[in-house]
Amino acid sequence: MQQTTVLHHVKANIVLFGALFANLGIAAAKFFAAAISGSSSMLTEGVHSLVDSGNQLLLLYGQSRAKRPPDALHPFGYGRELYFWAFVVAILIFAIGAGVSLYEGWRHVADPEPLRDPTINYIVLGVAVMLEGTSWAIAVRAFNAGRGGVGWWQAVRRSKDPAGFIVLFEDSAAMLGLLIAAAGVWASHATGDARIDGYASMAIGVLLAAVAVLLAREAKGLLIGESADAELVHMIWSRLERRAEITAVNHVRTIHTAPDAVFVAVSADFDDGLAMGAAETLIESMESELKTADSRITSIYIRPEKQSDAVAFPKPGRGLRAA
C-alpha cells in the first residue's frame, strides 16, 4: 500500500521529479568539467543546475505542505503555501543563479584564466542537452495538455499551479543557457580570448534574472490572491440566473485557495415573496449544484442582498479574466 502511494506521488509529480533527477546529474557533470577546464560559463551552468535542483525540492515540499487539511487557524486550508514557495524559488533564481553567474562572469573577464582543452566541456554540454531536453519535453507535454487550446503566454498567466510553469521556464532557460555556454567556450578558443567565456557567463546571469522576474510576477499574483478563470465564474453566474427565485445576480467573486480549490462569494437579489425557510433550502440546493458542477469549488458563500444596495459587477464573458 505504501509503495503504491509513493508511485502515485511520483507519477503525479513526474515533471518535478524528472527535472530534479536531470538537474542533479547535470550539475555534477558541469562542476567536474569546470574544475578540469577552468571554464567560467561551465561553472555558472553548474550553479544554475544546482539552484534548479533546490527549486524542485522546494516545490515538492510546498506541495506536501499545501495538502494539509483545514484547521482552526487556517479554515480554508494551506493550499496557498505552495504559492509562497513558488515566490521563494523566484528569489533564489535571481539571488543565487543570476547573482553567481554575473559575479563569476565579471571575475573571469577581469582576470581571465589560461585556456585549456575544451573537450570535456563539449562532452558534458552534449550530455546536458540530452538530459535537459528530456526534462524540457516532459514539462512542455504536461503544460500543453492543460492549457486548453489558449496561447502559451495566456496559459501561463491563467495557470494557478506554479509547479508546472516554473519547471517549464527553468528548463527553457537551461536549454538557452547551454547554448550560450557552448558558444562561449567555442568562441573563447576560436579567438584565443578567454574573456569571451566570462561574457557568456554574464549573459547566462542576465537570462536567469529575466526568468526570475517573470516567475516572481506570476507567483506574486497567486500569493496575494487571483480569481478563478472567467469560464468558471460565467458558469456559476448562469446557473444562479436560471433560478426563478433569483431576480438578479449582483456579483460573483472567487479566489483560489489552492491550485485546485476555489472559494466563491455570491451576492444575489432573492424574490421578496420567498420565505426564510425556502430561501435556506434554495441556498443549500444551489451550493450542492455548483460543487457538483465543478469539483474545484470547495466553499460557497451566498448572500441575499437587494440589487439597489449591492456593489454590482458585470457578468464576465467566456475567455475574459474575471473580476
Protein backbone atom coordinates (compact mmCIF):
# COMPACT_ATOMS: atom_id res chain seq x y z
CA MET A 1 0.00 0.00 0.00
CA GLN A 2 2.80 2.40 0.93
CA GLN A 3 4.68 1.53 -2.26
CA THR A 4 1.55 2.25 -4.32
CA THR A 5 1.19 5.63 -2.61
CA VAL A 6 4.82 6.52 -3.35
CA LEU A 7 4.46 5.51 -7.01
CA HIS A 8 1.28 7.58 -7.32
CA HIS A 9 3.07 10.59 -5.78
CA VAL A 10 5.97 10.26 -8.24
CA LYS A 11 3.60 9.87 -11.20
CA ALA A 12 1.54 12.89 -10.14
CA ASN A 13 4.71 14.98 -9.92
CA ILE A 14 6.58 13.50 -12.88
CA VAL A 15 7.52 16.95 -14.17
CA LEU A 16 9.19 17.93 -10.89
CA PHE A 17 10.91 14.58 -10.31
CA GLY A 18 12.10 14.41 -13.92
CA ALA A 19 13.61 17.89 -13.67
CA LEU A 20 15.14 17.13 -10.25
CA PHE A 21 16.98 13.97 -11.29
CA ALA A 22 18.14 15.53 -14.56
CA ASN A 23 19.48 18.65 -12.85
CA LEU A 24 21.34 16.76 -10.11
CA GLY A 25 23.20 14.69 -12.67
CA ILE A 26 23.87 17.66 -14.92
CA ALA A 27 25.13 19.82 -12.03
CA ALA A 28 27.71 17.19 -11.01
CA ALA A 29 28.94 16.82 -14.58
CA LYS A 30 29.20 20.58 -15.11
CA PHE A 31 31.18 21.15 -11.91
CA PHE A 32 33.54 18.34 -12.91
CA ALA A 33 34.05 19.89 -16.34
CA ALA A 34 34.55 23.37 -14.85
CA ALA A 35 37.20 22.04 -12.44
CA ILE A 36 39.16 20.45 -15.30
CA SER A 37 38.77 23.17 -17.95
CA GLY A 38 38.54 26.31 -15.78
CA SER A 39 35.54 27.49 -17.81
CA SER A 40 33.53 30.27 -16.19
CA SER A 41 30.37 29.55 -18.17
CA MET A 42 30.54 25.86 -17.22
CA LEU A 43 30.88 26.81 -13.55
CA THR A 44 27.87 29.11 -13.70
CA GLU A 45 25.90 26.47 -15.58
CA GLY A 46 26.72 24.08 -12.73
CA VAL A 47 25.39 26.61 -10.23
CA HIS A 48 22.34 27.08 -12.46
CA SER A 49 21.57 23.33 -12.41
CA LEU A 50 22.20 23.11 -8.65
CA VAL A 51 19.80 26.00 -7.99
CA ASP A 52 17.20 24.36 -10.23
CA SER A 53 17.55 21.13 -8.23
CA GLY A 54 16.95 23.03 -4.99
CA ASN A 55 13.95 24.72 -6.56
CA GLN A 56 12.32 21.42 -7.46
CA LEU A 57 12.83 20.20 -3.88
CA LEU A 58 11.20 23.38 -2.56
CA LEU A 59 8.22 22.97 -4.88
CA LEU A 60 7.80 19.33 -3.83
CA TYR A 61 7.98 20.44 -0.19
CA GLY A 62 5.44 23.20 -0.89
CA GLN A 63 3.06 20.72 -2.50
CA SER A 64 3.34 18.45 0.53
CA ARG A 65 2.67 21.32 2.96
CA ALA A 66 -0.23 22.60 0.84
CA LYS A 67 -2.10 19.29 1.19
CA ARG A 68 -2.59 19.69 4.95
CA PRO A 69 -6.29 19.76 5.93
CA PRO A 70 -8.01 22.94 7.20
CA ASP A 71 -7.80 23.72 10.90
CA ALA A 72 -8.91 26.47 13.29
CA LEU A 73 -6.09 28.82 12.28
CA HIS A 74 -6.43 28.17 8.55
CA PRO A 75 -10.10 27.33 7.90
CA PHE A 76 -9.60 27.35 4.11
CA GLY A 77 -6.60 25.04 4.26
CA TYR A 78 -2.92 25.52 3.43
CA GLY A 79 -3.14 25.39 -0.35
CA ARG A 80 -1.64 28.83 -0.90
CA GLU A 81 1.56 27.81 0.90
CA LEU A 82 2.61 26.38 -2.47
CA TYR A 83 2.44 29.92 -3.86
CA PHE A 84 4.77 31.13 -1.11
CA TRP A 85 7.40 28.54 -2.02
CA ALA A 86 7.00 29.41 -5.68
CA PHE A 87 7.87 33.01 -4.81
CA VAL A 88 10.89 31.79 -2.82
CA VAL A 89 12.02 29.84 -5.89
CA ALA A 90 11.90 33.01 -8.00
CA ILE A 91 14.00 34.85 -5.39
CA LEU A 92 16.58 32.03 -5.32
CA ILE A 93 16.90 32.03 -9.11
CA PHE A 94 17.53 35.77 -9.02
CA ALA A 95 19.78 35.95 -5.96
CA ILE A 96 21.85 32.79 -6.38
CA GLY A 97 21.53 31.72 -10.01
CA ALA A 98 21.76 35.14 -11.63
CA GLY A 99 23.96 36.63 -8.90
CA VAL A 100 26.66 33.94 -9.04
CA SER A 101 26.61 33.88 -12.84
CA LEU A 102 27.13 37.63 -13.10
CA TYR A 103 29.84 37.63 -10.44
CA GLU A 104 31.77 34.70 -11.94
CA GLY A 105 31.49 36.21 -15.40
CA TRP A 106 32.79 39.57 -14.22
CA ARG A 107 35.64 37.87 -12.32
CA HIS A 108 36.75 35.89 -15.39
CA VAL A 109 36.56 38.96 -17.61
CA ALA A 110 38.67 40.99 -15.16
CA ASP A 111 41.18 38.17 -14.59
CA PRO A 112 40.82 35.50 -17.33
CA GLU A 113 42.31 32.06 -16.74
CA PRO A 114 44.53 30.41 -19.36
CA LEU A 115 42.60 28.42 -21.95
CA ARG A 116 42.64 24.64 -21.52
CA ASP A 117 41.47 21.71 -23.61
CA PRO A 118 37.69 22.26 -24.05
CA THR A 119 36.87 18.66 -25.00
CA ILE A 120 35.40 17.80 -21.59
CA ASN A 121 33.16 20.88 -21.81
CA TYR A 122 31.70 19.78 -25.14
CA ILE A 123 31.09 16.24 -23.85
CA VAL A 124 29.31 17.49 -20.72
CA LEU A 125 27.30 20.03 -22.70
CA GLY A 126 26.17 17.31 -25.10
CA VAL A 127 25.06 15.05 -22.25
CA ALA A 128 23.38 18.01 -20.53
CA VAL A 129 21.43 18.87 -23.69
CA MET A 130 20.06 15.32 -23.85
CA LEU A 131 19.10 15.18 -20.16
CA GLU A 132 17.79 18.73 -20.01
CA GLY A 133 15.97 18.24 -23.31
CA THR A 134 14.19 15.19 -21.88
CA SER A 135 13.12 17.14 -18.80
CA TRP A 136 12.04 20.06 -21.00
CA ALA A 137 9.98 17.78 -23.26
CA ILE A 138 8.17 16.30 -20.23
CA ALA A 139 7.42 19.80 -18.90
CA VAL A 140 6.19 21.01 -22.31
CA ARG A 141 3.96 17.97 -22.81
CA ALA A 142 2.43 18.29 -19.34
CA PHE A 143 1.82 22.03 -19.65
CA ASN A 144 0.48 21.69 -23.19
CA ALA A 145 -2.04 19.08 -22.04
CA GLY A 146 -3.57 21.52 -19.55
CA ARG A 147 -3.60 24.80 -21.48
CA GLY A 148 -6.93 24.12 -23.17
CA GLY A 149 -6.10 25.48 -26.60
CA VAL A 150 -5.18 29.00 -25.45
CA GLY A 151 -1.83 30.61 -26.26
CA TRP A 152 1.26 29.66 -24.27
CA TRP A 153 1.71 33.01 -22.55
CA GLN A 154 -2.01 33.30 -21.81
CA ALA A 155 -1.91 29.78 -20.36
CA VAL A 156 0.93 30.82 -18.02
CA ARG A 157 -1.00 33.91 -16.94
CA ARG A 158 -4.13 31.85 -16.26
CA SER A 159 -2.39 28.91 -14.59
CA LYS A 160 -2.97 28.50 -10.85
CA ASP A 161 -0.39 25.72 -10.48
CA PRO A 162 3.10 27.29 -10.28
CA ALA A 163 4.94 23.95 -10.33
CA GLY A 164 4.09 23.40 -13.99
CA PHE A 165 5.10 26.75 -15.42
CA ILE A 166 8.13 27.20 -13.13
CA VAL A 167 9.71 23.96 -14.38
CA LEU A 168 8.81 24.96 -17.95
CA PHE A 169 10.53 28.34 -17.54
CA GLU A 170 13.53 26.81 -15.74
CA ASP A 171 14.09 24.13 -18.36
CA SER A 172 13.67 26.61 -21.21
CA ALA A 173 16.23 28.90 -19.57
CA ALA A 174 18.52 25.91 -19.02
CA MET A 175 18.41 24.96 -22.71
CA LEU A 176 19.23 28.53 -23.72
CA GLY A 177 21.96 28.66 -21.08
CA LEU A 178 23.58 25.53 -22.52
CA LEU A 179 23.65 27.09 -25.96
CA ILE A 180 25.18 30.28 -24.55
CA ALA A 181 27.79 28.28 -22.62
CA ALA A 182 28.71 26.22 -25.70
CA ALA A 183 29.01 29.37 -27.80
CA GLY A 184 31.17 31.00 -25.12
CA VAL A 185 33.55 28.03 -24.87
CA TRP A 186 33.87 27.75 -28.65
CA ALA A 187 34.36 31.49 -29.22
CA SER A 188 37.00 31.71 -26.48
CA HIS A 189 39.12 29.01 -28.11
CA ALA A 190 38.44 30.15 -31.66
CA THR A 191 39.67 33.67 -30.90
CA GLY A 192 42.11 32.84 -28.14
CA ASP A 193 40.34 35.33 -25.86
CA ALA A 194 39.35 33.72 -22.53
CA ARG A 195 37.26 36.76 -21.60
CA ILE A 196 34.53 35.70 -24.02
CA ASP A 197 33.73 32.75 -21.74
CA GLY A 198 33.24 35.27 -18.92
CA TYR A 199 30.89 37.32 -21.09
CA ALA A 200 28.90 34.14 -21.79
CA SER A 201 28.61 33.58 -18.04
CA MET A 202 27.27 37.12 -17.61
CA ALA A 203 24.77 36.54 -20.43
CA ILE A 204 23.50 33.46 -18.60
CA GLY A 205 23.14 35.61 -15.47
CA VAL A 206 21.03 38.16 -17.36
CA LEU A 207 18.87 35.33 -18.75
CA LEU A 208 18.28 33.91 -15.26
CA ALA A 209 17.47 37.35 -13.86
CA ALA A 210 14.83 37.86 -16.58
CA VAL A 211 13.26 34.45 -15.88
CA ALA A 212 13.28 35.16 -12.13
CA VAL A 213 11.45 38.46 -12.63
CA LEU A 214 8.77 36.77 -14.76
CA LEU A 215 8.30 33.97 -12.23
CA ALA A 216 8.20 36.41 -9.30
CA ARG A 217 5.48 38.39 -11.05
CA GLU A 218 3.31 35.32 -11.60
CA ALA A 219 3.95 33.93 -8.11
CA LYS A 220 3.11 37.30 -6.53
CA GLY A 221 -0.28 37.37 -8.23
CA LEU A 222 -1.09 33.88 -6.93
CA LEU A 223 0.21 34.70 -3.45
CA ILE A 224 -1.96 37.79 -2.94
CA GLY A 225 -4.97 36.02 -4.46
CA GLU A 226 -6.25 35.55 -8.00
CA SER A 227 -9.79 34.95 -9.18
CA ALA A 228 -10.88 31.78 -10.91
CA ASP A 229 -10.97 31.73 -14.70
CA ALA A 230 -13.83 33.56 -16.40
CA GLU A 231 -15.38 30.31 -17.66
CA LEU A 232 -15.97 29.11 -14.08
CA VAL A 233 -17.39 32.47 -12.98
CA HIS A 234 -19.63 32.54 -16.07
CA MET A 235 -20.90 29.03 -15.26
CA ILE A 236 -21.73 29.96 -11.66
CA TRP A 237 -23.47 33.18 -12.73
CA SER A 238 -25.53 31.43 -15.44
CA ARG A 239 -26.73 28.65 -13.13
CA LEU A 240 -27.81 31.18 -10.50
CA GLU A 241 -29.61 33.32 -13.08
CA ARG A 242 -31.69 30.36 -14.22
CA ARG A 243 -33.27 30.06 -10.78
CA ALA A 244 -36.75 31.59 -10.78
CA GLU A 245 -36.32 32.64 -7.14
CA ILE A 246 -33.28 34.82 -8.05
CA THR A 247 -34.29 38.18 -9.54
CA ALA A 248 -30.73 39.41 -10.08
CA VAL A 249 -27.15 38.26 -9.54
CA ASN A 250 -25.23 41.26 -8.21
CA HIS A 251 -21.75 39.75 -8.33
CA VAL A 252 -19.79 36.52 -8.18
CA ARG A 253 -16.39 36.83 -6.52
CA THR A 254 -13.88 34.00 -6.50
CA ILE A 255 -10.38 33.38 -5.17
CA HIS A 256 -8.08 30.38 -5.48
CA THR A 257 -7.15 28.95 -2.08
CA ALA A 258 -5.07 26.29 -3.86
CA PRO A 259 -4.40 25.35 -7.50
CA ASP A 260 -7.46 23.06 -7.46
CA ALA A 261 -9.60 24.82 -4.81
CA VAL A 262 -11.80 27.91 -5.25
CA PHE A 263 -13.75 29.93 -2.69
CA VAL A 264 -16.90 31.56 -4.11
CA ALA A 265 -18.79 34.55 -2.68
CA VAL A 266 -22.13 35.44 -4.28
CA SER A 267 -24.43 38.41 -3.81
CA ALA A 268 -27.92 37.82 -5.23
CA ASP A 269 -31.32 39.53 -5.02
CA PHE A 270 -33.94 36.98 -3.94
CA ASP A 271 -37.63 37.16 -4.72
CA ASP A 272 -39.27 39.22 -1.95
CA GLY A 273 -42.05 36.64 -1.59
CA LEU A 274 -39.63 33.86 -0.70
CA ALA A 275 -39.97 32.63 2.89
CA MET A 276 -36.89 32.31 5.09
CA GLY A 277 -37.09 28.52 5.24
CA ALA A 278 -37.50 28.27 1.47
CA ALA A 279 -34.51 30.61 0.97
CA GLU A 280 -32.33 28.40 3.16
CA THR A 281 -33.35 25.32 1.20
CA LEU A 282 -32.69 27.16 -2.06
CA ILE A 283 -29.19 28.20 -0.97
CA GLU A 284 -28.33 24.64 0.06
CA SER A 285 -29.60 23.37 -3.30
CA MET A 286 -27.55 25.95 -5.23
CA GLU A 287 -24.38 25.18 -3.27
CA SER A 288 -24.78 21.46 -3.89
CA GLU A 289 -25.41 22.01 -7.60
CA LEU A 290 -22.36 24.24 -8.05
CA LYS A 291 -20.00 21.92 -6.16
CA THR A 292 -21.22 19.01 -8.29
CA ALA A 293 -20.76 21.05 -11.47
CA ASP A 294 -17.10 21.83 -10.72
CA SER A 295 -15.01 19.95 -8.17
CA ARG A 296 -12.67 22.95 -7.72
CA ILE A 297 -15.42 24.77 -5.82
CA THR A 298 -14.72 23.91 -2.18
CA SER A 299 -16.52 26.69 -0.30
CA ILE A 300 -19.51 28.86 -1.27
CA TYR A 301 -21.00 31.86 0.49
CA ILE A 302 -24.32 33.12 -0.95
CA ARG A 303 -25.58 36.39 0.45
CA PRO A 304 -29.17 37.59 -0.18
CA GLU A 305 -28.88 41.31 -0.97
CA LYS A 306 -31.10 43.88 -2.64
CA GLN A 307 -29.79 44.85 -6.05
CA SER A 308 -30.17 48.53 -5.19
CA ASP A 309 -27.93 48.12 -2.11
CA ALA A 310 -25.27 45.83 -3.59
CA VAL A 311 -21.94 46.56 -5.21
CA ALA A 312 -22.55 45.19 -8.69
CA PHE A 313 -20.07 43.71 -11.17
CA PRO A 314 -20.91 42.86 -14.77
CA LYS A 315 -21.25 39.23 -15.78
CA PRO A 316 -17.93 38.16 -17.34
CA GLY A 317 -17.86 36.78 -20.84
CA ARG A 318 -16.21 33.47 -21.65
CA GLY A 319 -12.47 33.72 -22.19
CA LEU A 320 -12.12 37.02 -20.30
CA ARG A 321 -10.35 37.46 -16.98
CA ALA A 322 -12.88 37.54 -14.15
CA ALA A 323 -13.03 40.33 -11.58
